[in-house]
């Protein structure tokens, strides 16, 4: 069986070093062969992105260009349909067949899974790695009863489980905190501030060249 591959979705509005560090740590800690980045076109569980998807795709492509372990997938971005994670995983499962896939989620997103479209089918298509910050470890407290049932059944403590099965494992994993927010970056840019060193230089150059995130005033 092939080494597992991570799936990293989001609006990436804009992509920044916090995203890149999470993907890098995922490869290292979970034994991933690589990470597939999938910018959402029409996200259903987030606010509408401020920037058009063509720009968000371009920024992610620039951000990951120097890392051979990262790959850009345009399935969600190029679809006119709402971006549902289950559809992305079905698309990737058809491509990767028996390769273990690992959906990378933050703890808040994981706790909100019961509100997602066809959410229980996610466990039949991929593993889920849930990233938490020190002091905020994942527990059953706060989970909906049905999510807690899945967690109790599927939770693992050893990343080697991800390579031994193709899907169905939930693995909590601590994340090195990087307090970088796309929202704050957008605010800085809107008010003429500099977000340098919060995101790759190539991405910042792209933002400035295309006049993204500037305030209308």
C-alpha atoms as a PDB file:
ATOM      1  CA  UNK A   1       0.000   0.000   0.000  1.00  0.00           C
ATOM      2  CA  UNK A   2       1.249   3.495  -0.878  1.00  0.00           C
ATOM      3  CA  UNK A   3       2.149   6.072   1.766  1.00  0.00           C
ATOM      4  CA  UNK A   4      -0.832   8.251   2.736  1.00  0.00           C
ATOM      5  CA  UNK A   5      -1.496  11.578   1.026  1.00  0.00           C
ATOM      6  CA  UNK A   6      -2.842  14.622   2.875  1.00  0.00           C
ATOM      7  CA  UNK A   7      -5.781  16.687   1.610  1.00  0.00           C
ATOM      8  CA  UNK A   8      -5.757  20.352   2.620  1.00  0.00           C
ATOM      9  CA  UNK A   9      -8.781  22.448   1.669  1.00  0.00           C
ATOM     10  CA  UNK A  10      -9.621  26.047   2.462  1.00  0.00           C
ATOM     11  CA  UNK A  11     -10.261  29.448   0.976  1.00  0.00           C
ATOM     12  CA  UNK A  12      -6.582  30.500   1.281  1.00  0.00           C
ATOM     13  CA  UNK A  13      -7.610  34.159   1.131  1.00  0.00           C
ATOM     14  CA  UNK A  14      -4.647  34.682   1.115  1.00  0.00           C
ATOM     15  CA  UNK A  15      -2.409  31.658   1.701  1.00  0.00           C
ATOM     16  CA  UNK A  16       0.183  32.355   4.436  1.00  0.00           C
ATOM     17  CA  UNK A  17       2.981  30.759   6.437  1.00  0.00           C
ATOM     18  CA  UNK A  18       0.531  29.277   8.946  1.00  0.00           C
ATOM     19  CA  UNK A  19      -0.996  27.185   6.148  1.00  0.00           C
ATOM     20  CA  UNK A  20       2.404  26.174   4.842  1.00  0.00           C
ATOM     21  CA  UNK A  21       3.720  25.198   8.255  1.00  0.00           C
ATOM     22  CA  UNK A  22       0.647  23.069   8.992  1.00  0.00           C
ATOM     23  CA  UNK A  23       1.094  21.159   5.722  1.00  0.00           C
ATOM     24  CA  UNK A  24       4.809  20.690   6.395  1.00  0.00           C
ATOM     25  CA  UNK A  25       4.179  19.390   9.925  1.00  0.00           C
ATOM     26  CA  UNK A  26       1.482  17.077   8.602  1.00  0.00           C
ATOM     27  CA  UNK A  27       3.963  15.485   6.199  1.00  0.00           C
ATOM     28  CA  UNK A  28       6.536  15.090   8.940  1.00  0.00           C
ATOM     29  CA  UNK A  29       4.357  13.873  11.808  1.00  0.00           C
ATOM     30  CA  UNK A  30       1.882  11.745   9.867  1.00  0.00           C
ATOM     31  CA  UNK A  31       4.305  10.145   7.434  1.00  0.00           C
ATOM     32  CA  UNK A  32       2.569  11.601   4.390  1.00  0.00           C
ATOM     33  CA  UNK A  33       3.929  11.195   0.871  1.00  0.00           C
ATOM     34  CA  UNK A  34       2.709  14.721   0.185  1.00  0.00           C
ATOM     35  CA  UNK A  35      -0.172  17.162   0.548  1.00  0.00           C
ATOM     36  CA  UNK A  36      -2.790  18.088  -2.056  1.00  0.00           C
ATOM     37  CA  UNK A  37      -3.966  21.701  -1.726  1.00  0.00           C
ATOM     38  CA  UNK A  38      -7.536  22.401  -2.838  1.00  0.00           C
ATOM     39  CA  UNK A  39      -8.710  26.041  -2.781  1.00  0.00           C
ATOM     40  CA  UNK A  40     -12.495  26.232  -2.463  1.00  0.00           C
ATOM     41  CA  UNK A  41     -14.425  27.882  -5.255  1.00  0.00           C
ATOM     42  CA  UNK A  42     -17.844  28.397  -3.635  1.00  0.00           C
ATOM     43  CA  UNK A  43     -17.393  27.370   0.036  1.00  0.00           C
ATOM     44  CA  UNK A  44     -20.538  26.396   1.962  1.00  0.00           C
ATOM     45  CA  UNK A  45     -19.125  26.429   5.512  1.00  0.00           C
ATOM     46  CA  UNK A  46     -17.273  29.752   5.363  1.00  0.00           C
ATOM     47  CA  UNK A  47     -17.999  33.325   4.390  1.00  0.00           C
ATOM     48  CA  UNK A  48     -17.673  34.145   0.702  1.00  0.00           C
ATOM     49  CA  UNK A  49     -13.976  34.730  -0.058  1.00  0.00           C
ATOM     50  CA  UNK A  50     -13.002  38.333  -0.639  1.00  0.00           C
ATOM     51  CA  UNK A  51     -10.820  37.442  -3.618  1.00  0.00           C
ATOM     52  CA  UNK A  52     -11.771  35.647  -6.833  1.00  0.00           C
ATOM     53  CA  UNK A  53     -10.750  32.009  -6.992  1.00  0.00           C
ATOM     54  CA  UNK A  54      -8.398  32.600  -9.941  1.00  0.00           C
ATOM     55  CA  UNK A  55      -6.259  34.794  -7.685  1.00  0.00           C
ATOM     56  CA  UNK A  56      -6.408  32.377  -4.756  1.00  0.00           C
ATOM     57  CA  UNK A  57      -5.331  29.525  -7.049  1.00  0.00           C
ATOM     58  CA  UNK A  58      -2.438  31.593  -8.361  1.00  0.00           C
ATOM     59  CA  UNK A  59      -1.306  32.529  -4.843  1.00  0.00           C
ATOM     60  CA  UNK A  60      -1.340  28.917  -3.635  1.00  0.00           C
ATOM     61  CA  UNK A  61       0.561  27.844  -6.754  1.00  0.00           C
ATOM     62  CA  UNK A  62       3.231  30.454  -6.014  1.00  0.00           C
ATOM     63  CA  UNK A  63       3.379  29.515  -2.316  1.00  0.00           C
ATOM     64  CA  UNK A  64       3.945  25.794  -2.905  1.00  0.00           C
ATOM     65  CA  UNK A  65       6.085  26.016  -6.047  1.00  0.00           C
ATOM     66  CA  UNK A  66       9.366  25.184  -4.285  1.00  0.00           C
ATOM     67  CA  UNK A  67       8.064  22.151  -2.386  1.00  0.00           C
ATOM     68  CA  UNK A  68       7.950  18.900  -4.356  1.00  0.00           C
ATOM     69  CA  UNK A  69       5.748  17.335  -1.659  1.00  0.00           C
ATOM     70  CA  UNK A  70       2.910  19.783  -2.339  1.00  0.00           C
ATOM     71  CA  UNK A  71       0.485  19.622  -5.261  1.00  0.00           C
ATOM     72  CA  UNK A  72      -2.339  21.950  -6.331  1.00  0.00           C
ATOM     73  CA  UNK A  73      -5.731  20.436  -7.211  1.00  0.00           C
ATOM     74  CA  UNK A  74      -8.197  22.649  -9.119  1.00  0.00           C
ATOM     75  CA  UNK A  75     -11.289  20.430  -8.859  1.00  0.00           C
ATOM     76  CA  UNK A  76     -13.162  22.582  -6.331  1.00  0.00           C
ATOM     77  CA  UNK A  77     -11.898  25.877  -7.717  1.00  0.00           C
ATOM     78  CA  UNK A  78     -13.011  25.132 -11.262  1.00  0.00           C
ATOM     79  CA  UNK A  79     -16.414  23.722 -10.327  1.00  0.00           C
ATOM     80  CA  UNK A  80     -19.469  25.968 -10.478  1.00  0.00           C
ATOM     81  CA  UNK A  81     -21.121  23.790  -7.834  1.00  0.00           C
ATOM     82  CA  UNK A  82     -20.789  24.479  -4.091  1.00  0.00           C
ATOM     83  CA  UNK A  83     -17.520  23.232  -2.586  1.00  0.00           C
ATOM     84  CA  UNK A  84     -18.478  20.194  -0.535  1.00  0.00           C
ATOM     85  CA  UNK A  85     -15.604  18.200   0.944  1.00  0.00           C
ATOM     86  CA  UNK A  86     -17.338  14.901   0.242  1.00  0.00           C
ATOM     87  CA  UNK A  87     -17.305  15.705  -3.491  1.00  0.00           C
ATOM     88  CA  UNK A  88     -13.598  16.549  -3.382  1.00  0.00           C
ATOM     89  CA  UNK A  89     -12.809  13.278  -1.635  1.00  0.00           C
ATOM     90  CA  UNK A  90     -14.875  11.280  -4.129  1.00  0.00           C
ATOM     91  CA  UNK A  91     -12.931  12.969  -6.933  1.00  0.00           C
ATOM     92  CA  UNK A  92      -9.577  12.157  -5.309  1.00  0.00           C
ATOM     93  CA  UNK A  93     -10.587   8.635  -4.318  1.00  0.00           C
ATOM     94  CA  UNK A  94     -11.347   7.883  -7.973  1.00  0.00           C
ATOM     95  CA  UNK A  95      -7.853   9.100  -8.878  1.00  0.00           C
ATOM     96  CA  UNK A  96      -5.900   7.496  -6.050  1.00  0.00           C
ATOM     97  CA  UNK A  97      -7.991   4.314  -5.633  1.00  0.00           C
ATOM     98  CA  UNK A  98      -6.368   2.310  -2.805  1.00  0.00           C
ATOM     99  CA  UNK A  99      -3.971   5.015  -1.572  1.00  0.00           C
ATOM    100  CA  UNK A 100      -4.771   6.179   1.986  1.00  0.00           C
ATOM    101  CA  UNK A 101      -6.087   9.747   1.943  1.00  0.00           C
ATOM    102  CA  UNK A 102      -5.884  11.954   5.045  1.00  0.00           C
ATOM    103  CA  UNK A 103      -8.177  14.969   5.343  1.00  0.00           C
ATOM    104  CA  UNK A 104      -6.419  17.700   7.355  1.00  0.00           C
ATOM    105  CA  UNK A 105      -8.788  19.623   9.634  1.00  0.00           C
ATOM    106  CA  UNK A 106      -8.542  22.013  12.529  1.00  0.00           C
ATOM    107  CA  UNK A 107     -10.354  21.067  15.729  1.00  0.00           C
ATOM    108  CA  UNK A 108     -13.111  23.666  15.208  1.00  0.00           C
ATOM    109  CA  UNK A 109     -13.845  22.324  11.728  1.00  0.00           C
ATOM    110  CA  UNK A 110     -13.927  18.762  13.040  1.00  0.00           C
ATOM    111  CA  UNK A 111     -16.373  19.665  15.803  1.00  0.00           C
ATOM    112  CA  UNK A 112     -18.599  21.275  13.179  1.00  0.00           C
ATOM    113  CA  UNK A 113     -18.672  18.214  10.906  1.00  0.00           C
ATOM    114  CA  UNK A 114     -22.330  17.322  11.666  1.00  0.00           C
ATOM    115  CA  UNK A 115     -23.357  20.487   9.797  1.00  0.00           C
ATOM    116  CA  UNK A 116     -21.441  19.427   6.665  1.00  0.00           C
ATOM    117  CA  UNK A 117     -23.038  17.927   3.557  1.00  0.00           C
ATOM    118  CA  UNK A 118     -23.037  14.078   3.715  1.00  0.00           C
ATOM    119  CA  UNK A 119     -20.514  14.317   6.512  1.00  0.00           C
ATOM    120  CA  UNK A 120     -20.633  10.707   7.680  1.00  0.00           C
ATOM    121  CA  UNK A 121     -19.491   9.590   4.244  1.00  0.00           C
ATOM    122  CA  UNK A 122     -16.179  11.378   4.813  1.00  0.00           C
ATOM    123  CA  UNK A 123     -15.092   8.498   7.056  1.00  0.00           C
ATOM    124  CA  UNK A 124     -15.692   6.074   4.180  1.00  0.00           C
ATOM    125  CA  UNK A 125     -13.446   8.052   1.834  1.00  0.00           C
ATOM    126  CA  UNK A 126     -10.495   9.188   3.953  1.00  0.00           C
ATOM    127  CA  UNK A 127      -8.827   9.296   7.320  1.00  0.00           C
ATOM    128  CA  UNK A 128      -9.146  12.563   9.248  1.00  0.00           C
ATOM    129  CA  UNK A 129      -6.207  14.183  11.029  1.00  0.00           C
ATOM    130  CA  UNK A 130      -7.465  16.748  13.544  1.00  0.00           C
ATOM    131  CA  UNK A 131      -4.926  19.429  14.434  1.00  0.00           C
ATOM    132  CA  UNK A 132      -5.139  20.994  17.881  1.00  0.00           C
ATOM    133  CA  UNK A 133      -3.051  23.506  19.778  1.00  0.00           C
ATOM    134  CA  UNK A 134      -1.283  22.687  23.075  1.00  0.00           C
ATOM    135  CA  UNK A 135      -3.766  23.044  25.919  1.00  0.00           C
ATOM    136  CA  UNK A 136      -6.725  22.518  23.586  1.00  0.00           C
ATOM    137  CA  UNK A 137      -6.576  18.765  23.053  1.00  0.00           C
ATOM    138  CA  UNK A 138      -9.540  17.062  21.398  1.00  0.00           C
ATOM    139  CA  UNK A 139     -12.024  15.396  23.775  1.00  0.00           C
ATOM    140  CA  UNK A 140     -15.525  13.993  23.441  1.00  0.00           C
ATOM    141  CA  UNK A 141     -16.835  16.868  25.562  1.00  0.00           C
ATOM    142  CA  UNK A 142     -18.390  19.383  23.219  1.00  0.00           C
ATOM    143  CA  UNK A 143     -18.963  16.907  20.392  1.00  0.00           C
ATOM    144  CA  UNK A 144     -22.442  16.108  19.160  1.00  0.00           C
ATOM    145  CA  UNK A 145     -23.556  12.594  20.236  1.00  0.00           C
ATOM    146  CA  UNK A 146     -23.191  11.165  16.727  1.00  0.00           C
ATOM    147  CA  UNK A 147     -19.765  12.731  16.156  1.00  0.00           C
ATOM    148  CA  UNK A 148     -18.660  11.479  19.579  1.00  0.00           C
ATOM    149  CA  UNK A 149     -19.751   7.981  18.566  1.00  0.00           C
ATOM    150  CA  UNK A 150     -17.625   8.141  15.422  1.00  0.00           C
ATOM    151  CA  UNK A 151     -14.684   9.544  17.365  1.00  0.00           C
ATOM    152  CA  UNK A 152     -14.832   6.832  20.026  1.00  0.00           C
ATOM    153  CA  UNK A 153     -14.960   4.160  17.322  1.00  0.00           C
ATOM    154  CA  UNK A 154     -12.255   5.575  15.055  1.00  0.00           C
ATOM    155  CA  UNK A 155      -9.778   7.505  17.236  1.00  0.00           C
ATOM    156  CA  UNK A 156      -6.135   6.439  17.033  1.00  0.00           C
ATOM    157  CA  UNK A 157      -2.962   7.547  18.790  1.00  0.00           C
ATOM    158  CA  UNK A 158      -0.412   6.162  16.332  1.00  0.00           C
ATOM    159  CA  UNK A 159       0.099   7.715  12.893  1.00  0.00           C
ATOM    160  CA  UNK A 160       1.123   4.318  11.515  1.00  0.00           C
ATOM    161  CA  UNK A 161      -2.585   3.447  11.424  1.00  0.00           C
ATOM    162  CA  UNK A 162      -2.952   5.878   8.526  1.00  0.00           C
ATOM    163  CA  UNK A 163      -0.730   3.774   6.271  1.00  0.00           C
ATOM    164  CA  UNK A 164      -2.264   0.441   7.246  1.00  0.00           C
ATOM    165  CA  UNK A 165      -5.818   1.312   6.152  1.00  0.00           C
ATOM    166  CA  UNK A 166      -7.237   3.410   3.319  1.00  0.00           C
ATOM    167  CA  UNK A 167      -9.818   5.366   5.336  1.00  0.00           C
ATOM    168  CA  UNK A 168     -11.835   5.627   8.549  1.00  0.00           C
ATOM    169  CA  UNK A 169      -9.244   6.581  11.201  1.00  0.00           C
ATOM    170  CA  UNK A 170      -9.442   9.821  13.220  1.00  0.00           C
ATOM    171  CA  UNK A 171      -6.044  10.939  14.500  1.00  0.00           C
ATOM    172  CA  UNK A 172      -5.700  13.973  16.808  1.00  0.00           C
ATOM    173  CA  UNK A 173      -2.326  15.679  16.391  1.00  0.00           C
ATOM    174  CA  UNK A 174      -0.796  18.670  18.170  1.00  0.00           C
ATOM    175  CA  UNK A 175       0.166  21.615  15.989  1.00  0.00           C
ATOM    176  CA  UNK A 176       2.943  24.111  16.596  1.00  0.00           C
ATOM    177  CA  UNK A 177       1.071  27.403  17.111  1.00  0.00           C
ATOM    178  CA  UNK A 178       1.656  30.076  14.469  1.00  0.00           C
ATOM    179  CA  UNK A 179      -0.614  33.005  15.249  1.00  0.00           C
ATOM    180  CA  UNK A 180      -1.153  34.120  11.661  1.00  0.00           C
ATOM    181  CA  UNK A 181      -4.620  35.010  10.408  1.00  0.00           C
ATOM    182  CA  UNK A 182      -5.736  35.596   6.812  1.00  0.00           C
ATOM    183  CA  UNK A 183      -8.349  37.981   8.213  1.00  0.00           C
ATOM    184  CA  UNK A 184      -5.685  40.104   9.903  1.00  0.00           C
ATOM    185  CA  UNK A 185      -3.521  40.055   6.771  1.00  0.00           C
ATOM    186  CA  UNK A 186      -6.460  41.366   4.737  1.00  0.00           C
ATOM    187  CA  UNK A 187      -7.058  44.104   7.317  1.00  0.00           C
ATOM    188  CA  UNK A 188      -3.412  45.176   7.206  1.00  0.00           C
ATOM    189  CA  UNK A 189      -3.459  45.342   3.425  1.00  0.00           C
ATOM    190  CA  UNK A 190      -6.753  47.257   3.378  1.00  0.00           C
ATOM    191  CA  UNK A 191      -5.232  49.929   5.605  1.00  0.00           C
ATOM    192  CA  UNK A 192      -1.916  50.167   3.812  1.00  0.00           C
ATOM    193  CA  UNK A 193       0.023  48.044   6.300  1.00  0.00           C
ATOM    194  CA  UNK A 194       2.714  45.515   5.472  1.00  0.00           C
ATOM    195  CA  UNK A 195       2.153  41.785   6.108  1.00  0.00           C
ATOM    196  CA  UNK A 196       5.728  40.960   5.089  1.00  0.00           C
ATOM    197  CA  UNK A 197       7.083  37.829   6.845  1.00  0.00           C
ATOM    198  CA  UNK A 198       3.529  36.554   7.403  1.00  0.00           C
ATOM    199  CA  UNK A 199       3.266  35.084   3.910  1.00  0.00           C
ATOM    200  CA  UNK A 200       5.681  34.159   1.115  1.00  0.00           C
ATOM    201  CA  UNK A 201       7.329  37.052  -0.715  1.00  0.00           C
ATOM    202  CA  UNK A 202       6.051  35.742  -4.060  1.00  0.00           C
ATOM    203  CA  UNK A 203       2.478  35.831  -2.731  1.00  0.00           C
ATOM    204  CA  UNK A 204       2.904  39.372  -1.394  1.00  0.00           C
ATOM    205  CA  UNK A 205       4.310  40.490  -4.751  1.00  0.00           C
ATOM    206  CA  UNK A 206       1.297  38.942  -6.494  1.00  0.00           C
ATOM    207  CA  UNK A 207      -1.098  40.723  -4.132  1.00  0.00           C
ATOM    208  CA  UNK A 208       0.564  44.068  -4.742  1.00  0.00           C
ATOM    209  CA  UNK A 209       0.793  43.587  -8.516  1.00  0.00           C
ATOM    210  CA  UNK A 210      -2.905  42.748  -8.738  1.00  0.00           C
ATOM    211  CA  UNK A 211      -4.050  45.350  -6.190  1.00  0.00           C
ATOM    212  CA  UNK A 212      -5.781  42.729  -4.020  1.00  0.00           C
ATOM    213  CA  UNK A 213      -7.337  43.416  -0.615  1.00  0.00           C
ATOM    214  CA  UNK A 214      -7.064  47.190  -0.921  1.00  0.00           C
ATOM    215  CA  UNK A 215      -9.753  49.235   0.739  1.00  0.00           C
ATOM    216  CA  UNK A 216     -12.255  50.912  -1.585  1.00  0.00           C
ATOM    217  CA  UNK A 217     -11.571  54.067   0.399  1.00  0.00           C
END
